[in-house]
Amino acid sequence: MDFILEEEMIDLLTFCLQNPDSEMIEVKKERFKQIGHELFDSGGVDAMENFFFAVDNRIQGEINLDPKPFRPLWNGITDEWNYS
């Protein structure tokens, strides 16, 4: 399951970064939020950090765009995750 979620996160964020004006952005962001909840439920904030780190590195390496602006979408899942 971890590999599937990681690939899905990469697909979602890559789409959002490459298509910022798409009508599908909000749908993609909502699914990204759901994944954050799934990660937290299964492994806490450590799972969230580890997944985002891996996805961040891969996206920056593959398309040279920074997905960090999407981190705040997971704010509110836990007090330990607080990005602006």
N, C-alpha and C. Protein backbone atom coordinates (compact mmCIF):
# COMPACT_ATOMS: atom_id res chain seq x y z
N MET A 1 0.81 -1.19 0.00
CA MET A 1 0.00 0.00 0.00
C MET A 1 0.86 1.25 0.00
N ASP A 2 1.96 1.24 0.70
CA ASP A 2 2.81 2.43 0.77
C ASP A 2 3.27 2.88 -0.60
N PHE A 3 3.69 1.93 -1.41
CA PHE A 3 4.17 2.27 -2.74
C PHE A 3 3.05 2.88 -3.58
N ILE A 4 1.86 2.34 -3.46
CA ILE A 4 0.72 2.84 -4.23
C ILE A 4 0.39 4.27 -3.81
N LEU A 5 0.37 4.54 -2.50
CA LEU A 5 0.09 5.90 -2.03
C LEU A 5 1.18 6.87 -2.48
N GLU A 6 2.42 6.44 -2.41
CA GLU A 6 3.51 7.32 -2.84
C GLU A 6 3.37 7.66 -4.32
N GLU A 7 3.09 6.68 -5.14
CA GLU A 7 2.91 6.93 -6.57
C GLU A 7 1.71 7.84 -6.83
N GLU A 8 0.65 7.62 -6.08
CA GLU A 8 -0.52 8.47 -6.25
C GLU A 8 -0.22 9.91 -5.85
N MET A 9 0.51 10.09 -4.75
CA MET A 9 0.90 11.44 -4.33
C MET A 9 1.75 12.11 -5.40
N ILE A 10 2.67 11.39 -5.97
CA ILE A 10 3.52 11.94 -7.03
C ILE A 10 2.68 12.36 -8.21
N ASP A 11 1.75 11.50 -8.61
CA ASP A 11 0.87 11.83 -9.74
C ASP A 11 0.03 13.07 -9.45
N LEU A 12 -0.55 13.14 -8.25
CA LEU A 12 -1.39 14.27 -7.89
C LEU A 12 -0.62 15.58 -7.90
N LEU A 13 0.52 15.57 -7.21
CA LEU A 13 1.29 16.81 -7.10
C LEU A 13 1.92 17.21 -8.42
N THR A 14 2.37 16.24 -9.18
CA THR A 14 2.93 16.55 -10.50
C THR A 14 1.86 17.19 -11.37
N PHE A 15 0.67 16.64 -11.36
CA PHE A 15 -0.42 17.22 -12.14
C PHE A 15 -0.68 18.67 -11.70
N CYS A 16 -0.78 18.89 -10.39
CA CYS A 16 -1.07 20.24 -9.88
C CYS A 16 0.03 21.23 -10.25
N LEU A 17 1.26 20.80 -10.15
CA LEU A 17 2.38 21.69 -10.48
C LEU A 17 2.45 22.00 -11.97
N GLN A 18 2.14 21.03 -12.79
CA GLN A 18 2.25 21.23 -14.23
C GLN A 18 0.98 21.83 -14.86
N ASN A 19 -0.12 21.80 -14.13
CA ASN A 19 -1.40 22.28 -14.67
C ASN A 19 -2.10 23.19 -13.65
N PRO A 20 -1.47 24.27 -13.24
CA PRO A 20 -2.03 25.10 -12.16
C PRO A 20 -3.39 25.73 -12.47
N ASP A 21 -3.75 25.83 -13.72
CA ASP A 21 -5.02 26.44 -14.08
C ASP A 21 -6.12 25.42 -14.41
N SER A 22 -5.84 24.16 -14.20
CA SER A 22 -6.79 23.11 -14.53
C SER A 22 -8.02 23.16 -13.62
N GLU A 23 -9.14 22.76 -14.18
CA GLU A 23 -10.37 22.65 -13.40
C GLU A 23 -10.30 21.48 -12.41
N MET A 24 -9.36 20.59 -12.60
CA MET A 24 -9.23 19.40 -11.75
C MET A 24 -8.37 19.63 -10.50
N ILE A 25 -7.80 20.81 -10.35
CA ILE A 25 -6.89 21.06 -9.23
C ILE A 25 -7.55 20.78 -7.88
N GLU A 26 -8.74 21.27 -7.66
CA GLU A 26 -9.40 21.09 -6.37
C GLU A 26 -9.66 19.62 -6.06
N VAL A 27 -10.03 18.85 -7.06
CA VAL A 27 -10.24 17.41 -6.88
C VAL A 27 -8.93 16.74 -6.48
N LYS A 28 -7.85 17.12 -7.15
CA LYS A 28 -6.53 16.54 -6.85
C LYS A 28 -6.09 16.93 -5.45
N LYS A 29 -6.32 18.17 -5.04
CA LYS A 29 -5.95 18.62 -3.70
C LYS A 29 -6.76 17.87 -2.64
N GLU A 30 -8.03 17.64 -2.89
CA GLU A 30 -8.86 16.92 -1.93
C GLU A 30 -8.34 15.49 -1.73
N ARG A 31 -7.97 14.84 -2.81
CA ARG A 31 -7.42 13.49 -2.68
C ARG A 31 -6.10 13.52 -1.94
N PHE A 32 -5.28 14.54 -2.20
CA PHE A 32 -4.02 14.68 -1.49
C PHE A 32 -4.27 14.84 0.02
N LYS A 33 -5.28 15.59 0.39
CA LYS A 33 -5.64 15.74 1.81
C LYS A 33 -6.05 14.40 2.40
N GLN A 34 -6.84 13.63 1.65
CA GLN A 34 -7.27 12.32 2.13
C GLN A 34 -6.07 11.41 2.38
N ILE A 35 -5.10 11.47 1.49
CA ILE A 35 -3.89 10.66 1.66
C ILE A 35 -3.17 11.06 2.94
N GLY A 36 -3.12 12.35 3.21
CA GLY A 36 -2.50 12.81 4.46
C GLY A 36 -3.17 12.20 5.67
N HIS A 37 -4.50 12.15 5.66
CA HIS A 37 -5.23 11.52 6.76
C HIS A 37 -4.92 10.03 6.84
N GLU A 38 -4.88 9.36 5.71
CA GLU A 38 -4.57 7.92 5.69
C GLU A 38 -3.18 7.67 6.26
N LEU A 39 -2.22 8.50 5.86
CA LEU A 39 -0.86 8.34 6.36
C LEU A 39 -0.79 8.55 7.86
N PHE A 40 -1.45 9.60 8.33
CA PHE A 40 -1.45 9.88 9.76
C PHE A 40 -2.10 8.75 10.53
N ASP A 41 -3.22 8.25 10.03
CA ASP A 41 -3.92 7.17 10.72
C ASP A 41 -3.07 5.90 10.80
N SER A 42 -2.25 5.67 9.79
CA SER A 42 -1.47 4.43 9.79
C SER A 42 -0.10 4.56 10.42
N GLY A 43 0.47 5.76 10.45
CA GLY A 43 1.84 5.89 10.97
C GLY A 43 2.17 7.20 11.65
N GLY A 44 1.18 8.03 11.87
CA GLY A 44 1.41 9.29 12.56
C GLY A 44 2.16 10.30 11.72
N VAL A 45 2.62 11.33 12.40
CA VAL A 45 3.30 12.42 11.70
C VAL A 45 4.60 11.94 11.04
N ASP A 46 5.23 10.92 11.60
CA ASP A 46 6.45 10.39 10.98
C ASP A 46 6.17 9.85 9.58
N ALA A 47 5.06 9.18 9.41
CA ALA A 47 4.69 8.67 8.08
C ALA A 47 4.44 9.83 7.13
N MET A 48 3.79 10.87 7.61
CA MET A 48 3.53 12.04 6.77
C MET A 48 4.84 12.66 6.32
N GLU A 49 5.74 12.87 7.27
CA GLU A 49 7.05 13.47 6.96
C GLU A 49 7.83 12.61 5.97
N ASN A 50 7.89 11.32 6.24
CA ASN A 50 8.67 10.42 5.38
C ASN A 50 8.12 10.39 3.95
N PHE A 51 6.81 10.31 3.83
CA PHE A 51 6.20 10.27 2.50
C PHE A 51 6.43 11.58 1.76
N PHE A 52 6.19 12.69 2.45
CA PHE A 52 6.35 13.96 1.76
C PHE A 52 7.79 14.17 1.35
N PHE A 53 8.73 13.79 2.19
CA PHE A 53 10.15 13.92 1.86
C PHE A 53 10.49 13.12 0.59
N ALA A 54 10.04 11.88 0.53
CA ALA A 54 10.33 11.03 -0.63
C ALA A 54 9.68 11.60 -1.89
N VAL A 55 8.45 12.03 -1.78
CA VAL A 55 7.73 12.58 -2.93
C VAL A 55 8.38 13.89 -3.38
N ASP A 56 8.74 14.72 -2.44
CA ASP A 56 9.40 16.00 -2.75
C ASP A 56 10.68 15.76 -3.54
N ASN A 57 11.51 14.86 -3.05
CA ASN A 57 12.77 14.58 -3.74
C ASN A 57 12.54 14.04 -5.14
N ARG A 58 11.60 13.17 -5.27
CA ARG A 58 11.36 12.57 -6.59
C ARG A 58 10.79 13.58 -7.59
N ILE A 59 9.84 14.39 -7.15
CA ILE A 59 9.26 15.38 -8.05
C ILE A 59 10.31 16.41 -8.46
N GLN A 60 11.08 16.87 -7.51
CA GLN A 60 12.12 17.86 -7.86
C GLN A 60 13.13 17.25 -8.82
N GLY A 61 13.44 15.98 -8.65
CA GLY A 61 14.38 15.31 -9.54
C GLY A 61 13.82 15.06 -10.92
N GLU A 62 12.53 14.78 -11.00
CA GLU A 62 11.92 14.41 -12.28
C GLU A 62 11.44 15.60 -13.10
N ILE A 63 10.82 16.59 -12.45
CA ILE A 63 10.27 17.70 -13.22
C ILE A 63 10.82 19.06 -12.77
N ASN A 64 11.71 19.04 -11.81
CA ASN A 64 12.39 20.25 -11.35
C ASN A 64 11.40 21.32 -10.87
N LEU A 65 10.33 20.89 -10.21
CA LEU A 65 9.38 21.80 -9.58
C LEU A 65 9.26 21.42 -8.11
N ASP A 66 8.96 22.41 -7.28
CA ASP A 66 8.94 22.22 -5.83
C ASP A 66 7.51 22.00 -5.31
N PRO A 67 7.22 20.83 -4.75
CA PRO A 67 5.88 20.57 -4.24
C PRO A 67 5.64 21.08 -2.81
N LYS A 68 6.63 21.71 -2.19
CA LYS A 68 6.47 22.14 -0.80
C LYS A 68 5.28 23.08 -0.56
N PRO A 69 4.87 23.90 -1.54
CA PRO A 69 3.69 24.74 -1.29
C PRO A 69 2.41 23.94 -1.00
N PHE A 70 2.43 22.64 -1.25
CA PHE A 70 1.25 21.82 -0.99
C PHE A 70 1.24 21.24 0.43
N ARG A 71 2.34 21.38 1.17
CA ARG A 71 2.38 20.87 2.55
C ARG A 71 1.28 21.41 3.44
N PRO A 72 0.92 22.71 3.33
CA PRO A 72 -0.14 23.22 4.20
C PRO A 72 -1.50 22.54 4.02
N LEU A 73 -1.69 21.83 2.94
CA LEU A 73 -2.96 21.11 2.75
C LEU A 73 -3.17 20.07 3.84
N TRP A 74 -2.09 19.65 4.47
CA TRP A 74 -2.21 18.67 5.55
C TRP A 74 -2.28 19.32 6.93
N ASN A 75 -2.23 20.64 6.99
CA ASN A 75 -2.40 21.33 8.28
C ASN A 75 -3.77 20.96 8.83
N GLY A 76 -3.83 20.78 10.12
CA GLY A 76 -5.09 20.43 10.77
C GLY A 76 -5.28 18.95 10.99
N ILE A 77 -4.48 18.14 10.32
CA ILE A 77 -4.56 16.69 10.56
C ILE A 77 -4.01 16.39 11.96
N THR A 78 -2.94 17.06 12.31
CA THR A 78 -2.33 16.94 13.62
C THR A 78 -1.66 18.27 13.94
N ASP A 79 -1.57 18.59 15.22
CA ASP A 79 -0.90 19.84 15.62
C ASP A 79 0.58 19.82 15.30
N GLU A 80 1.13 18.64 15.12
CA GLU A 80 2.56 18.51 14.83
C GLU A 80 2.89 18.90 13.40
N TRP A 81 1.91 18.95 12.52
CA TRP A 81 2.11 19.30 11.11
C TRP A 81 1.56 20.71 10.93
N ASN A 82 2.45 21.68 10.81
CA ASN A 82 2.00 23.06 10.71
C ASN A 82 2.93 23.82 9.77
N TYR A 83 2.54 23.89 8.54
CA TYR A 83 3.32 24.60 7.53
C TYR A 83 2.50 25.73 6.95
N SER A 84 3.20 26.77 6.55
CA SER A 84 2.49 27.89 5.90
C SER A 84 3.03 28.09 4.50
